Amino acid sequence: MSIAHQIALLKTQIVTPRFEETCIFYGGLLGCFLVERWDHPSDASAIYQIAPGAQLEIHRGDARDLSGVSLQFMVDDVERITHALDLQWRHLGVSLRRRNAPYCQLTDPAGVKVIIYSEDKERRD
């Protein structure tokens, strides 16, 4: 049996010196559910539930090059989601980079690209 068939949960970890800002991004702005958090002088992490079977851990530490990393979230209605985010972010002076395609792209405080997209139903048919 392959390892892939035994995986029960996918957890991605982002290591960043901008721990608090990144937690606010995922927990406050994107509204991800906080599962667990600890904050000790030598070890700090926050784990967010992203979707069933998918978690994201934000860990305080020195980050290396994250330029090739992106998190991609498929949603039912990308326009509705980006409009709601735009309203929240405008208050903070941040704007989303919208595309002609059914997605938008932004960057979290740790420097990770976050792409929110809808399935292209025309390509499926």
PDB file of N, CA and C in Angstrom:
ATOM      1  N   MET A   1       0.851  -1.173   0.000  1.00  0.00           N
ATOM      2  CA  MET A   1       0.000   0.000   0.000  1.00  0.00           C
ATOM      3  C   MET A   1       0.903   1.244   0.000  1.00  0.00           C
ATOM      4  N   SER A   2       0.539   2.253  -0.783  1.00  0.00           N
ATOM      5  CA  SER A   2       1.354   3.466  -0.855  1.00  0.00           C
ATOM      6  C   SER A   2       1.107   4.367   0.360  1.00  0.00           C
ATOM      7  N   ILE A   3       2.059   5.231   0.614  1.00  0.00           N
ATOM      8  CA  ILE A   3       1.929   6.179   1.718  1.00  0.00           C
ATOM      9  C   ILE A   3       0.757   7.122   1.472  1.00  0.00           C
ATOM     10  N   ALA A   4       0.544   7.532   0.234  1.00  0.00           N
ATOM     11  CA  ALA A   4      -0.527   8.479  -0.082  1.00  0.00           C
ATOM     12  C   ALA A   4      -1.892   7.979   0.385  1.00  0.00           C
ATOM     13  N   HIS A   5      -2.125   6.685   0.332  1.00  0.00           N
ATOM     14  CA  HIS A   5      -3.412   6.133   0.753  1.00  0.00           C
ATOM     15  C   HIS A   5      -3.576   6.138   2.273  1.00  0.00           C
ATOM     16  N   GLN A   6      -2.513   6.385   3.001  1.00  0.00           N
ATOM     17  CA  GLN A   6      -2.565   6.386   4.457  1.00  0.00           C
ATOM     18  C   GLN A   6      -2.609   7.787   5.056  1.00  0.00           C
ATOM     19  N   ILE A   7      -2.507   8.807   4.224  1.00  0.00           N
ATOM     20  CA  ILE A   7      -2.488  10.189   4.717  1.00  0.00           C
ATOM     21  C   ILE A   7      -3.894  10.590   5.158  1.00  0.00           C
ATOM     22  N   ALA A   8      -4.013  11.047   6.398  1.00  0.00           N
ATOM     23  CA  ALA A   8      -5.302  11.461   6.946  1.00  0.00           C
ATOM     24  C   ALA A   8      -5.444  12.981   6.999  1.00  0.00           C
ATOM     25  N   LEU A   9      -4.320  13.691   6.945  1.00  0.00           N
ATOM     26  CA  LEU A   9      -4.341  15.142   7.089  1.00  0.00           C
ATOM     27  C   LEU A   9      -3.143  15.737   6.370  1.00  0.00           C
ATOM     28  N   LEU A  10      -3.349  16.831   5.676  1.00  0.00           N
ATOM     29  CA  LEU A  10      -2.257  17.582   5.079  1.00  0.00           C
ATOM     30  C   LEU A  10      -2.064  18.836   5.913  1.00  0.00           C
ATOM     31  N   LYS A  11      -0.870  18.991   6.507  1.00  0.00           N
ATOM     32  CA  LYS A  11      -0.553  20.196   7.274  1.00  0.00           C
ATOM     33  C   LYS A  11       0.677  20.830   6.646  1.00  0.00           C
ATOM     34  N   THR A  12       0.529  22.078   6.280  1.00  0.00           N
ATOM     35  CA  THR A  12       1.617  22.858   5.706  1.00  0.00           C
ATOM     36  C   THR A  12       2.117  23.815   6.775  1.00  0.00           C
ATOM     37  N   GLN A  13       3.438  23.990   6.859  1.00  0.00           N
ATOM     38  CA  GLN A  13       4.016  24.892   7.847  1.00  0.00           C
ATOM     39  C   GLN A  13       4.703  26.050   7.138  1.00  0.00           C
ATOM     40  N   ILE A  14       4.437  27.251   7.622  1.00  0.00           N
ATOM     41  CA  ILE A  14       5.129  28.453   7.163  1.00  0.00           C
ATOM     42  C   ILE A  14       5.958  28.952   8.340  1.00  0.00           C
ATOM     43  N   VAL A  15       7.265  29.073   8.137  1.00  0.00           N
ATOM     44  CA  VAL A  15       8.164  29.606   9.160  1.00  0.00           C
ATOM     45  C   VAL A  15       8.417  31.068   8.806  1.00  0.00           C
ATOM     46  N   THR A  16       8.184  31.954   9.767  1.00  0.00           N
ATOM     47  CA  THR A  16       8.306  33.377   9.490  1.00  0.00           C
ATOM     48  C   THR A  16       8.707  34.161  10.731  1.00  0.00           C
ATOM     49  N   PRO A  17       9.536  35.197  10.571  1.00  0.00           N
ATOM     50  CA  PRO A  17       9.805  36.088  11.694  1.00  0.00           C
ATOM     51  C   PRO A  17       8.623  37.027  11.954  1.00  0.00           C
ATOM     52  N   ARG A  18       7.686  37.119  10.998  1.00  0.00           N
ATOM     53  CA  ARG A  18       6.500  37.976  11.135  1.00  0.00           C
ATOM     54  C   ARG A  18       5.316  37.131  11.617  1.00  0.00           C
ATOM     55  N   PHE A  19       5.510  36.479  12.746  1.00  0.00           N
ATOM     56  CA  PHE A  19       4.550  35.519  13.292  1.00  0.00           C
ATOM     57  C   PHE A  19       3.181  36.146  13.552  1.00  0.00           C
ATOM     58  N   GLU A  20       3.126  37.222  14.323  1.00  0.00           N
ATOM     59  CA  GLU A  20       1.829  37.829  14.683  1.00  0.00           C
ATOM     60  C   GLU A  20       1.070  38.320  13.460  1.00  0.00           C
ATOM     61  N   GLU A  21       1.768  39.015  12.559  1.00  0.00           N
ATOM     62  CA  GLU A  21       1.109  39.539  11.362  1.00  0.00           C
ATOM     63  C   GLU A  21       0.553  38.407  10.504  1.00  0.00           C
ATOM     64  N   THR A  22       1.303  37.314  10.405  1.00  0.00           N
ATOM     65  CA  THR A  22       0.873  36.180   9.592  1.00  0.00           C
ATOM     66  C   THR A  22      -0.322  35.484  10.242  1.00  0.00           C
ATOM     67  N   CYS A  23      -0.346  35.399  11.573  1.00  0.00           N
ATOM     68  CA  CYS A  23      -1.510  34.837  12.269  1.00  0.00           C
ATOM     69  C   CYS A  23      -2.749  35.703  12.042  1.00  0.00           C
ATOM     70  N   ILE A  24      -2.579  37.005  12.078  1.00  0.00           N
ATOM     71  CA  ILE A  24      -3.701  37.915  11.817  1.00  0.00           C
ATOM     72  C   ILE A  24      -4.205  37.732  10.388  1.00  0.00           C
ATOM     73  N   PHE A  25      -3.298  37.557   9.443  1.00  0.00           N
ATOM     74  CA  PHE A  25      -3.669  37.364   8.039  1.00  0.00           C
ATOM     75  C   PHE A  25      -4.580  36.144   7.883  1.00  0.00           C
ATOM     76  N   TYR A  26      -4.143  34.982   8.409  1.00  0.00           N
ATOM     77  CA  TYR A  26      -4.909  33.747   8.217  1.00  0.00           C
ATOM     78  C   TYR A  26      -6.103  33.645   9.165  1.00  0.00           C
ATOM     79  N   GLY A  27      -5.930  34.033  10.415  1.00  0.00           N
ATOM     80  CA  GLY A  27      -7.021  33.921  11.379  1.00  0.00           C
ATOM     81  C   GLY A  27      -8.017  35.058  11.286  1.00  0.00           C
ATOM     82  N   GLY A  28      -7.516  36.285  11.181  1.00  0.00           N
ATOM     83  CA  GLY A  28      -8.397  37.451  11.161  1.00  0.00           C
ATOM     84  C   GLY A  28      -8.957  37.778   9.799  1.00  0.00           C
ATOM     85  N   LEU A  29      -8.069  37.952   8.821  1.00  0.00           N
ATOM     86  CA  LEU A  29      -8.532  38.381   7.497  1.00  0.00           C
ATOM     87  C   LEU A  29      -9.161  37.254   6.684  1.00  0.00           C
ATOM     88  N   LEU A  30      -8.533  36.085   6.653  1.00  0.00           N
ATOM     89  CA  LEU A  30      -9.112  34.977   5.890  1.00  0.00           C
ATOM     90  C   LEU A  30     -10.140  34.191   6.708  1.00  0.00           C
ATOM     91  N   GLY A  31     -10.141  34.362   8.018  1.00  0.00           N
ATOM     92  CA  GLY A  31     -11.148  33.727   8.862  1.00  0.00           C
ATOM     93  C   GLY A  31     -10.949  32.240   9.083  1.00  0.00           C
ATOM     94  N   CYS A  32      -9.707  31.766   9.025  1.00  0.00           N
ATOM     95  CA  CYS A  32      -9.433  30.349   9.274  1.00  0.00           C
ATOM     96  C   CYS A  32      -9.585  30.057  10.767  1.00  0.00           C
ATOM     97  N   PHE A  33     -10.073  28.872  11.087  1.00  0.00           N
ATOM     98  CA  PHE A  33     -10.342  28.468  12.460  1.00  0.00           C
ATOM     99  C   PHE A  33      -9.050  28.098  13.179  1.00  0.00           C
ATOM    100  N   LEU A  34      -8.799  28.726  14.329  1.00  0.00           N
ATOM    101  CA  LEU A  34      -7.610  28.430  15.133  1.00  0.00           C
ATOM    102  C   LEU A  34      -7.829  27.127  15.887  1.00  0.00           C
ATOM    103  N   VAL A  35      -6.983  26.139  15.626  1.00  0.00           N
ATOM    104  CA  VAL A  35      -7.066  24.827  16.272  1.00  0.00           C
ATOM    105  C   VAL A  35      -6.248  24.819  17.556  1.00  0.00           C
ATOM    106  N   GLU A  36      -5.039  25.354  17.480  1.00  0.00           N
ATOM    107  CA  GLU A  36      -4.129  25.317  18.623  1.00  0.00           C
ATOM    108  C   GLU A  36      -3.094  26.429  18.468  1.00  0.00           C
ATOM    109  N   ARG A  37      -2.657  26.973  19.606  1.00  0.00           N
ATOM    110  CA  ARG A  37      -1.613  28.006  19.568  1.00  0.00           C
ATOM    111  C   ARG A  37      -0.778  27.922  20.839  1.00  0.00           C
ATOM    112  N   TRP A  38       0.525  28.095  20.681  1.00  0.00           N
ATOM    113  CA  TRP A  38       1.423  28.216  21.824  1.00  0.00           C
ATOM    114  C   TRP A  38       2.442  29.281  21.494  1.00  0.00           C
ATOM    115  N   ASP A  39       2.856  29.991  22.540  1.00  0.00           N
ATOM    116  CA  ASP A  39       3.774  31.110  22.350  1.00  0.00           C
ATOM    117  C   ASP A  39       4.741  31.154  23.528  1.00  0.00           C
ATOM    118  N   HIS A  40       5.863  30.469  23.376  1.00  0.00           N
ATOM    119  CA  HIS A  40       6.930  30.443  24.372  1.00  0.00           C
ATOM    120  C   HIS A  40       8.119  31.192  23.774  1.00  0.00           C
ATOM    121  N   PRO A  41       9.007  31.699  24.599  1.00  0.00           N
ATOM    122  CA  PRO A  41      10.156  32.439  24.061  1.00  0.00           C
ATOM    123  C   PRO A  41      10.961  31.656  23.015  1.00  0.00           C
ATOM    124  N   SER A  42      11.064  30.352  23.179  1.00  0.00           N
ATOM    125  CA  SER A  42      11.864  29.568  22.232  1.00  0.00           C
ATOM    126  C   SER A  42      11.033  28.834  21.185  1.00  0.00           C
ATOM    127  N   ASP A  43       9.707  28.874  21.293  1.00  0.00           N
ATOM    128  CA  ASP A  43       8.858  28.107  20.376  1.00  0.00           C
ATOM    129  C   ASP A  43       7.464  28.713  20.313  1.00  0.00           C
ATOM    130  N   ALA A  44       7.060  29.148  19.137  1.00  0.00           N
ATOM    131  CA  ALA A  44       5.718  29.709  18.964  1.00  0.00           C
ATOM    132  C   ALA A  44       5.131  29.205  17.647  1.00  0.00           C
ATOM    133  N   SER A  45       3.910  28.712  17.736  1.00  0.00           N
ATOM    134  CA  SER A  45       3.193  28.243  16.546  1.00  0.00           C
ATOM    135  C   SER A  45       1.704  28.449  16.728  1.00  0.00           C
ATOM    136  N   ALA A  46       1.004  28.546  15.618  1.00  0.00           N
ATOM    137  CA  ALA A  46      -0.456  28.579  15.597  1.00  0.00           C
ATOM    138  C   ALA A  46      -0.890  27.658  14.460  1.00  0.00           C
ATOM    139  N   ILE A  47      -1.864  26.789  14.744  1.00  0.00           N
ATOM    140  CA  ILE A  47      -2.359  25.855  13.738  1.00  0.00           C
ATOM    141  C   ILE A  47      -3.790  26.245  13.388  1.00  0.00           C
ATOM    142  N   TYR A  48      -4.042  26.424  12.094  1.00  0.00           N
ATOM    143  CA  TYR A  48      -5.355  26.815  11.586  1.00  0.00           C
ATOM    144  C   TYR A  48      -5.943  25.701  10.735  1.00  0.00           C
ATOM    145  N   GLN A  49      -7.249  25.490  10.890  1.00  0.00           N
ATOM    146  CA  GLN A  49      -7.960  24.562  10.018  1.00  0.00           C
ATOM    147  C   GLN A  49      -8.306  25.333   8.752  1.00  0.00           C
ATOM    148  N   ILE A  50      -7.837  24.860   7.609  1.00  0.00           N
ATOM    149  CA  ILE A  50      -8.072  25.521   6.329  1.00  0.00           C
ATOM    150  C   ILE A  50      -9.302  24.931   5.649  1.00  0.00           C
ATOM    151  N   ALA A  51      -9.395  23.619   5.685  1.00  0.00           N
ATOM    152  CA  ALA A  51     -10.498  22.873   5.076  1.00  0.00           C
ATOM    153  C   ALA A  51     -10.493  21.495   5.717  1.00  0.00           C
ATOM    154  N   PRO A  52     -11.529  20.691   5.502  1.00  0.00           N
ATOM    155  CA  PRO A  52     -11.489  19.334   6.050  1.00  0.00           C
ATOM    156  C   PRO A  52     -10.230  18.600   5.565  1.00  0.00           C
ATOM    157  N   GLY A  53      -9.450  18.103   6.492  1.00  0.00           N
ATOM    158  CA  GLY A  53      -8.234  17.369   6.138  1.00  0.00           C
ATOM    159  C   GLY A  53      -7.044  18.234   5.778  1.00  0.00           C
ATOM    160  N   ALA A  54      -7.143  19.554   5.988  1.00  0.00           N
ATOM    161  CA  ALA A  54      -6.038  20.453   5.624  1.00  0.00           C
ATOM    162  C   ALA A  54      -5.834  21.504   6.717  1.00  0.00           C
ATOM    163  N   GLN A  55      -4.613  21.565   7.238  1.00  0.00           N
ATOM    164  CA  GLN A  55      -4.269  22.554   8.255  1.00  0.00           C
ATOM    165  C   GLN A  55      -3.033  23.341   7.829  1.00  0.00           C
ATOM    166  N   LEU A  56      -2.904  24.521   8.414  1.00  0.00           N
ATOM    167  CA  LEU A  56      -1.760  25.381   8.160  1.00  0.00           C
ATOM    168  C   LEU A  56      -1.159  25.767   9.502  1.00  0.00           C
ATOM    169  N   GLU A  57       0.139  25.518   9.652  1.00  0.00           N
ATOM    170  CA  GLU A  57       0.835  25.896  10.879  1.00  0.00           C
ATOM    171  C   GLU A  57       1.729  27.096  10.597  1.00  0.00           C
ATOM    172  N   ILE A  58       1.546  28.153  11.377  1.00  0.00           N
ATOM    173  CA  ILE A  58       2.412  29.326  11.308  1.00  0.00           C
ATOM    174  C   ILE A  58       3.398  29.174  12.464  1.00  0.00           C
ATOM    175  N   HIS A  59       4.686  29.201  12.165  1.00  0.00           N
ATOM    176  CA  HIS A  59       5.725  28.974  13.175  1.00  0.00           C
ATOM    177  C   HIS A  59       6.693  30.154  13.172  1.00  0.00           C
ATOM    178  N   ARG A  60       6.980  30.686  14.358  1.00  0.00           N
ATOM    179  CA  ARG A  60       7.921  31.803  14.453  1.00  0.00           C
ATOM    180  C   ARG A  60       9.345  31.286  14.293  1.00  0.00           C
ATOM    181  N   GLY A  61      10.056  31.892  13.361  1.00  0.00           N
ATOM    182  CA  GLY A  61      11.443  31.518  13.125  1.00  0.00           C
ATOM    183  C   GLY A  61      11.992  32.261  11.925  1.00  0.00           C
ATOM    184  N   ASP A  62      13.251  32.017  11.623  1.00  0.00           N
ATOM    185  CA  ASP A  62      13.880  32.633  10.458  1.00  0.00           C
ATOM    186  C   ASP A  62      13.433  31.895   9.209  1.00  0.00           C
ATOM    187  N   ALA A  63      12.958  32.637   8.237  1.00  0.00           N
ATOM    188  CA  ALA A  63      12.495  32.048   6.989  1.00  0.00           C
ATOM    189  C   ALA A  63      13.600  32.103   5.948  1.00  0.00           C
ATOM    190  N   ARG A  64      13.641  31.121   5.131  1.00  0.00           N
ATOM    191  CA  ARG A  64      14.528  31.129   3.964  1.00  0.00           C
ATOM    192  C   ARG A  64      13.720  31.623   2.772  1.00  0.00           C
ATOM    193  N   ASP A  65      14.185  31.431   1.601  1.00  0.00           N
ATOM    194  CA  ASP A  65      13.522  31.893   0.389  1.00  0.00           C
ATOM    195  C   ASP A  65      12.197  31.155   0.187  1.00  0.00           C
ATOM    196  N   LEU A  66      11.102  31.911   0.157  1.00  0.00           N
ATOM    197  CA  LEU A  66       9.774  31.343  -0.063  1.00  0.00           C
ATOM    198  C   LEU A  66       9.220  31.709  -1.445  1.00  0.00           C
ATOM    199  N   SER A  67      10.066  32.181  -2.341  1.00  0.00           N
ATOM    200  CA  SER A  67       9.580  32.686  -3.625  1.00  0.00           C
ATOM    201  C   SER A  67       8.905  31.631  -4.488  1.00  0.00           C
ATOM    202  N   GLY A  68       9.217  30.365  -4.298  1.00  0.00           N
ATOM    203  CA  GLY A  68       8.590  29.326  -5.098  1.00  0.00           C
ATOM    204  C   GLY A  68       7.386  28.669  -4.444  1.00  0.00           C
ATOM    205  N   VAL A  69       6.965  29.190  -3.301  1.00  0.00           N
ATOM    206  CA  VAL A  69       5.864  28.584  -2.555  1.00  0.00           C
ATOM    207  C   VAL A  69       4.590  29.394  -2.763  1.00  0.00           C
ATOM    208  N   SER A  70       3.468  28.693  -2.945  1.00  0.00           N
ATOM    209  CA  SER A  70       2.170  29.368  -2.963  1.00  0.00           C
ATOM    210  C   SER A  70       1.143  28.456  -2.312  1.00  0.00           C
ATOM    211  N   LEU A  71       0.169  29.069  -1.664  1.00  0.00           N
ATOM    212  CA  LEU A  71      -0.992  28.361  -1.145  1.00  0.00           C
ATOM    213  C   LEU A  71      -2.146  28.708  -2.062  1.00  0.00           C
ATOM    214  N   GLN A  72      -2.884  27.709  -2.496  1.00  0.00           N
ATOM    215  CA  GLN A  72      -3.964  27.945  -3.445  1.00  0.00           C
ATOM    216  C   GLN A  72      -5.254  27.372  -2.879  1.00  0.00           C
ATOM    217  N   PHE A  73      -6.261  28.245  -2.756  1.00  0.00           N
ATOM    218  CA  PHE A  73      -7.537  27.875  -2.173  1.00  0.00           C
ATOM    219  C   PHE A  73      -8.630  27.949  -3.235  1.00  0.00           C
ATOM    220  N   MET A  74      -9.282  26.825  -3.512  1.00  0.00           N
ATOM    221  CA  MET A  74     -10.401  26.826  -4.453  1.00  0.00           C
ATOM    222  C   MET A  74     -11.679  27.124  -3.675  1.00  0.00           C
ATOM    223  N   VAL A  75     -12.459  28.074  -4.164  1.00  0.00           N
ATOM    224  CA  VAL A  75     -13.723  28.472  -3.541  1.00  0.00           C
ATOM    225  C   VAL A  75     -14.828  28.405  -4.587  1.00  0.00           C
ATOM    226  N   ASP A  76     -16.082  28.404  -4.123  1.00  0.00           N
ATOM    227  CA  ASP A  76     -17.208  28.347  -5.056  1.00  0.00           C
ATOM    228  C   ASP A  76     -17.354  29.626  -5.862  1.00  0.00           C
ATOM    229  N   ASP A  77     -17.178  30.774  -5.219  1.00  0.00           N
ATOM    230  CA  ASP A  77     -17.424  32.063  -5.873  1.00  0.00           C
ATOM    231  C   ASP A  77     -16.283  33.019  -5.552  1.00  0.00           C
ATOM    232  N   VAL A  78     -15.289  33.045  -6.419  1.00  0.00           N
ATOM    233  CA  VAL A  78     -14.112  33.874  -6.161  1.00  0.00           C
ATOM    234  C   VAL A  78     -14.453  35.359  -6.132  1.00  0.00           C
ATOM    235  N   GLU A  79     -15.415  35.795  -6.927  1.00  0.00           N
ATOM    236  CA  GLU A  79     -15.785  37.218  -6.935  1.00  0.00           C
ATOM    237  C   GLU A  79     -16.364  37.640  -5.591  1.00  0.00           C
ATOM    238  N   ARG A  80     -17.227  36.815  -5.017  1.00  0.00           N
ATOM    239  CA  ARG A  80     -17.836  37.131  -3.722  1.00  0.00           C
ATOM    240  C   ARG A  80     -16.766  37.175  -2.631  1.00  0.00           C
ATOM    241  N   ILE A  81     -15.861  36.210  -2.643  1.00  0.00           N
ATOM    242  CA  ILE A  81     -14.793  36.149  -1.634  1.00  0.00           C
ATOM    243  C   ILE A  81     -13.863  37.347  -1.767  1.00  0.00           C
ATOM    244  N   THR A  82     -13.418  37.640  -2.980  1.00  0.00           N
ATOM    245  CA  THR A  82     -12.475  38.749  -3.151  1.00  0.00           C
ATOM    246  C   THR A  82     -13.139  40.091  -2.855  1.00  0.00           C
ATOM    247  N   HIS A  83     -14.426  40.214  -3.153  1.00  0.00           N
ATOM    248  CA  HIS A  83     -15.134  41.457  -2.818  1.00  0.00           C
ATOM    249  C   HIS A  83     -15.157  41.646  -1.299  1.00  0.00           C
ATOM    250  N   ALA A  84     -15.476  40.573  -0.561  1.00  0.00           N
ATOM    251  CA  ALA A  84     -15.499  40.656   0.908  1.00  0.00           C
ATOM    252  C   ALA A  84     -14.107  40.971   1.457  1.00  0.00           C
ATOM    253  N   LEU A  85     -13.077  40.330   0.920  1.00  0.00           N
ATOM    254  CA  LEU A  85     -11.706  40.605   1.364  1.00  0.00           C
ATOM    255  C   LEU A  85     -11.308  42.034   1.035  1.00  0.00           C
ATOM    256  N   ASP A  86     -11.693  42.492  -0.154  1.00  0.00           N
ATOM    257  CA  ASP A  86     -11.381  43.852  -0.574  1.00  0.00           C
ATOM    258  C   ASP A  86     -11.959  44.873   0.402  1.00  0.00           C
ATOM    259  N   LEU A  87     -13.190  44.638   0.849  1.00  0.00           N
ATOM    260  CA  LEU A  87     -13.815  45.559   1.797  1.00  0.00           C
ATOM    261  C   LEU A  87     -13.059  45.569   3.119  1.00  0.00           C
ATOM    262  N   GLN A  88     -12.656  44.403   3.599  1.00  0.00           N
ATOM    263  CA  GLN A  88     -11.902  44.322   4.856  1.00  0.00           C
ATOM    264  C   GLN A  88     -10.529  44.971   4.700  1.00  0.00           C
ATOM    265  N   TRP A  89      -9.890  44.717   3.594  1.00  0.00           N
ATOM    266  CA  TRP A  89      -8.512  45.171   3.400  1.00  0.00           C
ATOM    267  C   TRP A  89      -8.421  46.637   3.066  1.00  0.00           C
ATOM    268  N   ARG A  90      -9.437  47.185   2.401  1.00  0.00           N
ATOM    269  CA  ARG A  90      -9.409  48.604   2.062  1.00  0.00           C
ATOM    270  C   ARG A  90      -9.260  49.424   3.337  1.00  0.00           C
ATOM    271  N   HIS A  91      -9.917  48.964   4.407  1.00  0.00           N
ATOM    272  CA  HIS A  91      -9.818  49.622   5.710  1.00  0.00           C
ATOM    273  C   HIS A  91      -8.369  49.628   6.207  1.00  0.00           C
ATOM    274  N   LEU A  92      -7.603  48.600   5.843  1.00  0.00           N
ATOM    275  CA  LEU A  92      -6.203  48.505   6.258  1.00  0.00           C
ATOM    276  C   LEU A  92      -5.240  49.103   5.228  1.00  0.00           C
ATOM    277  N   GLY A  93      -5.786  49.612   4.134  1.00  0.00           N
ATOM    278  CA  GLY A  93      -4.945  50.194   3.102  1.00  0.00           C
ATOM    279  C   GLY A  93      -4.279  49.184   2.192  1.00  0.00           C
ATOM    280  N   VAL A  94      -4.841  47.972   2.091  1.00  0.00           N
ATOM    281  CA  VAL A  94      -4.290  46.902   1.255  1.00  0.00           C
ATOM    282  C   VAL A  94      -5.280  46.607   0.140  1.00  0.00           C
ATOM    283  N   SER A  95      -4.780  46.343  -1.057  1.00  0.00           N
ATOM    284  CA  SER A  95      -5.675  45.968  -2.153  1.00  0.00           C
ATOM    285  C   SER A  95      -5.233  44.638  -2.749  1.00  0.00           C
ATOM    286  N   LEU A  96      -6.183  43.916  -3.288  1.00  0.00           N
ATOM    287  CA  LEU A  96      -5.910  42.627  -3.911  1.00  0.00           C
ATOM    288  C   LEU A  96      -5.483  42.829  -5.354  1.00  0.00           C
ATOM    289  N   ARG A  97      -4.659  41.912  -5.840  1.00  0.00           N
ATOM    290  CA  ARG A  97      -4.287  41.924  -7.257  1.00  0.00           C
ATOM    291  C   ARG A  97      -5.243  40.992  -7.985  1.00  0.00           C
ATOM    292  N   ARG A  98      -6.223  41.549  -8.669  1.00  0.00           N
ATOM    293  CA  ARG A  98      -7.196  40.739  -9.407  1.00  0.00           C
ATOM    294  C   ARG A  98      -6.660  40.441 -10.792  1.00  0.00           C
ATOM    295  N   ARG A  99      -7.097  39.348 -11.326  1.00  0.00           N
ATOM    296  CA  ARG A  99      -6.698  38.910 -12.662  1.00  0.00           C
ATOM    297  C   ARG A  99      -7.929  38.807 -13.548  1.00  0.00           C
ATOM    298  N   ASN A 100      -7.716  38.691 -14.853  1.00  0.00           N
ATOM    299  CA  ASN A 100      -8.834  38.456 -15.769  1.00  0.00           C
ATOM    300  C   ASN A 100      -9.376  37.050 -15.608  1.00  0.00           C
ATOM    301  N   ALA A 101      -8.550  36.143 -15.169  1.00  0.00           N
ATOM    302  CA  ALA A 101      -8.969  34.764 -14.943  1.00  0.00           C
ATOM    303  C   ALA A 101      -9.783  34.705 -13.651  1.00  0.00           C
ATOM    304  N   PRO A 102     -10.422  33.579 -13.385  1.00  0.00           N
ATOM    305  CA  PRO A 102     -11.242  33.484 -12.168  1.00  0.00           C
ATOM    306  C   PRO A 102     -10.405  33.261 -10.900  1.00  0.00           C
ATOM    307  N   TYR A 103      -9.467  34.167 -10.640  1.00  0.00           N
ATOM    308  CA  TYR A 103      -8.683  34.084  -9.409  1.00  0.00           C
ATOM    309  C   TYR A 103      -8.106  35.441  -9.034  1.00  0.00           C
ATOM    310  N   CYS A 104      -7.657  35.545  -7.801  1.00  0.00           N
ATOM    311  CA  CYS A 104      -6.910  36.723  -7.371  1.00  0.00           C
ATOM    312  C   CYS A 104      -5.685  36.236  -6.617  1.00  0.00           C
ATOM    313  N   GLN A 105      -4.700  37.087  -6.547  1.00  0.00           N
ATOM    314  CA  GLN A 105      -3.439  36.729  -5.901  1.00  0.00           C
ATOM    315  C   GLN A 105      -3.075  37.815  -4.898  1.00  0.00           C
ATOM    316  N   LEU A 106      -2.590  37.382  -3.739  1.00  0.00           N
ATOM    317  CA  LEU A 106      -2.090  38.300  -2.741  1.00  0.00           C
ATOM    318  C   LEU A 106      -0.893  37.651  -2.066  1.00  0.00           C
ATOM    319  N   THR A 107      -0.223  38.396  -1.223  1.00  0.00           N
ATOM    320  CA  THR A 107       0.957  37.886  -0.526  1.00  0.00           C
ATOM    321  C   THR A 107       0.749  38.061   0.967  1.00  0.00           C
ATOM    322  N   ASP A 108       0.982  36.992   1.730  1.00  0.00           N
ATOM    323  CA  ASP A 108       0.816  37.087   3.181  1.00  0.00           C
ATOM    324  C   ASP A 108       2.028  37.788   3.794  1.00  0.00           C
ATOM    325  N   PRO A 109       1.966  38.156   5.074  1.00  0.00           N
ATOM    326  CA  PRO A 109       3.092  38.861   5.700  1.00  0.00           C
ATOM    327  C   PRO A 109       4.404  38.084   5.707  1.00  0.00           C
ATOM    328  N   ALA A 110       4.348  36.754   5.580  1.00  0.00           N
ATOM    329  CA  ALA A 110       5.571  35.953   5.541  1.00  0.00           C
ATOM    330  C   ALA A 110       6.191  35.922   4.146  1.00  0.00           C
ATOM    331  N   GLY A 111       5.490  36.467   3.140  1.00  0.00           N
ATOM    332  CA  GLY A 111       6.000  36.473   1.777  1.00  0.00           C
ATOM    333  C   GLY A 111       5.491  35.323   0.923  1.00  0.00           C
ATOM    334  N   VAL A 112       4.530  34.552   1.424  1.00  0.00           N
ATOM    335  CA  VAL A 112       3.974  33.428   0.671  1.00  0.00           C
ATOM    336  C   VAL A 112       2.850  33.938  -0.225  1.00  0.00           C
ATOM    337  N   LYS A 113       2.880  33.530  -1.501  1.00  0.00           N
ATOM    338  CA  LYS A 113       1.795  33.878  -2.412  1.00  0.00           C
ATOM    339  C   LYS A 113       0.551  33.083  -2.038  1.00  0.00           C
ATOM    340  N   VAL A 114      -0.588  33.769  -1.969  1.00  0.00           N
ATOM    341  CA  VAL A 114      -1.872  33.126  -1.706  1.00  0.00           C
ATOM    342  C   VAL A 114      -2.758  33.384  -2.923  1.00  0.00           C
ATOM    343  N   ILE A 115      -3.242  32.323  -3.512  1.00  0.00           N
ATOM    344  CA  ILE A 115      -4.091  32.424  -4.703  1.00  0.00           C
ATOM    345  C   ILE A 115      -5.461  31.868  -4.341  1.00  0.00           C
ATOM    346  N   ILE A 116      -6.486  32.659  -4.584  1.00  0.00           N
ATOM    347  CA  ILE A 116      -7.870  32.239  -4.357  1.00  0.00           C
ATOM    348  C   ILE A 116      -8.509  32.137  -5.733  1.00  0.00           C
ATOM    349  N   TYR A 117      -9.070  30.972  -6.033  1.00  0.00           N
ATOM    350  CA  TYR A 117      -9.596  30.764  -7.380  1.00  0.00           C
ATOM    351  C   TYR A 117     -10.888  29.959  -7.354  1.00  0.00           C
ATOM    352  N   SER A 118     -11.613  30.043  -8.469  1.00  0.00           N
ATOM    353  CA  SER A 118     -12.804  29.225  -8.693  1.00  0.00           C
ATOM    354  C   SER A 118     -12.481  28.259  -9.818  1.00  0.00           C
ATOM    355  N   GLU A 119     -13.148  27.128  -9.783  1.00  0.00           N
ATOM    356  CA  GLU A 119     -12.968  26.151 -10.846  1.00  0.00           C
ATOM    357  C   GLU A 119     -13.503  26.730 -12.148  1.00  0.00           C
ATOM    358  N   ASP A 120     -12.759  26.558 -13.230  1.00  0.00           N
ATOM    359  CA  ASP A 120     -13.185  27.034 -14.548  1.00  0.00           C
ATOM    360  C   ASP A 120     -14.097  25.982 -15.155  1.00  0.00           C
ATOM    361  N   LYS A 121     -15.412  26.199 -15.063  1.00  0.00           N
ATOM    362  CA  LYS A 121     -16.394  25.216 -15.524  1.00  0.00           C
ATOM    363  C   LYS A 121     -16.364  25.050 -17.032  1.00  0.00           C
ATOM    364  N   GLU A 122     -15.979  26.086 -17.760  1.00  0.00           N
ATOM    365  CA  GLU A 122     -15.916  25.975 -19.223  1.00  0.00           C
ATOM    366  C   GLU A 122     -14.822  25.012 -19.656  1.00  0.00           C
ATOM    367  N   ARG A 123     -13.711  24.975 -18.956  1.00  0.00           N
ATOM    368  CA  ARG A 123     -12.632  24.058 -19.292  1.00  0.00           C
ATOM    369  C   ARG A 123     -13.023  22.621 -19.002  1.00  0.00           C
ATOM    370  N   ARG A 124     -13.886  22.404 -18.007  1.00  0.00           N
ATOM    371  CA  ARG A 124     -14.312  21.055 -17.640  1.00  0.00           C
ATOM    372  C   ARG A 124     -15.232  20.453 -18.686  1.00  0.00           C
ATOM    373  N   ASP A 125     -16.103  21.267 -19.239  1.00  0.00           N
ATOM    374  CA  ASP A 125     -17.117  20.762 -20.180  1.00  0.00           C
ATOM    375  C   ASP A 125     -16.531  20.397 -21.530  1.00  0.00           C
TER     376      ASP A 125
END
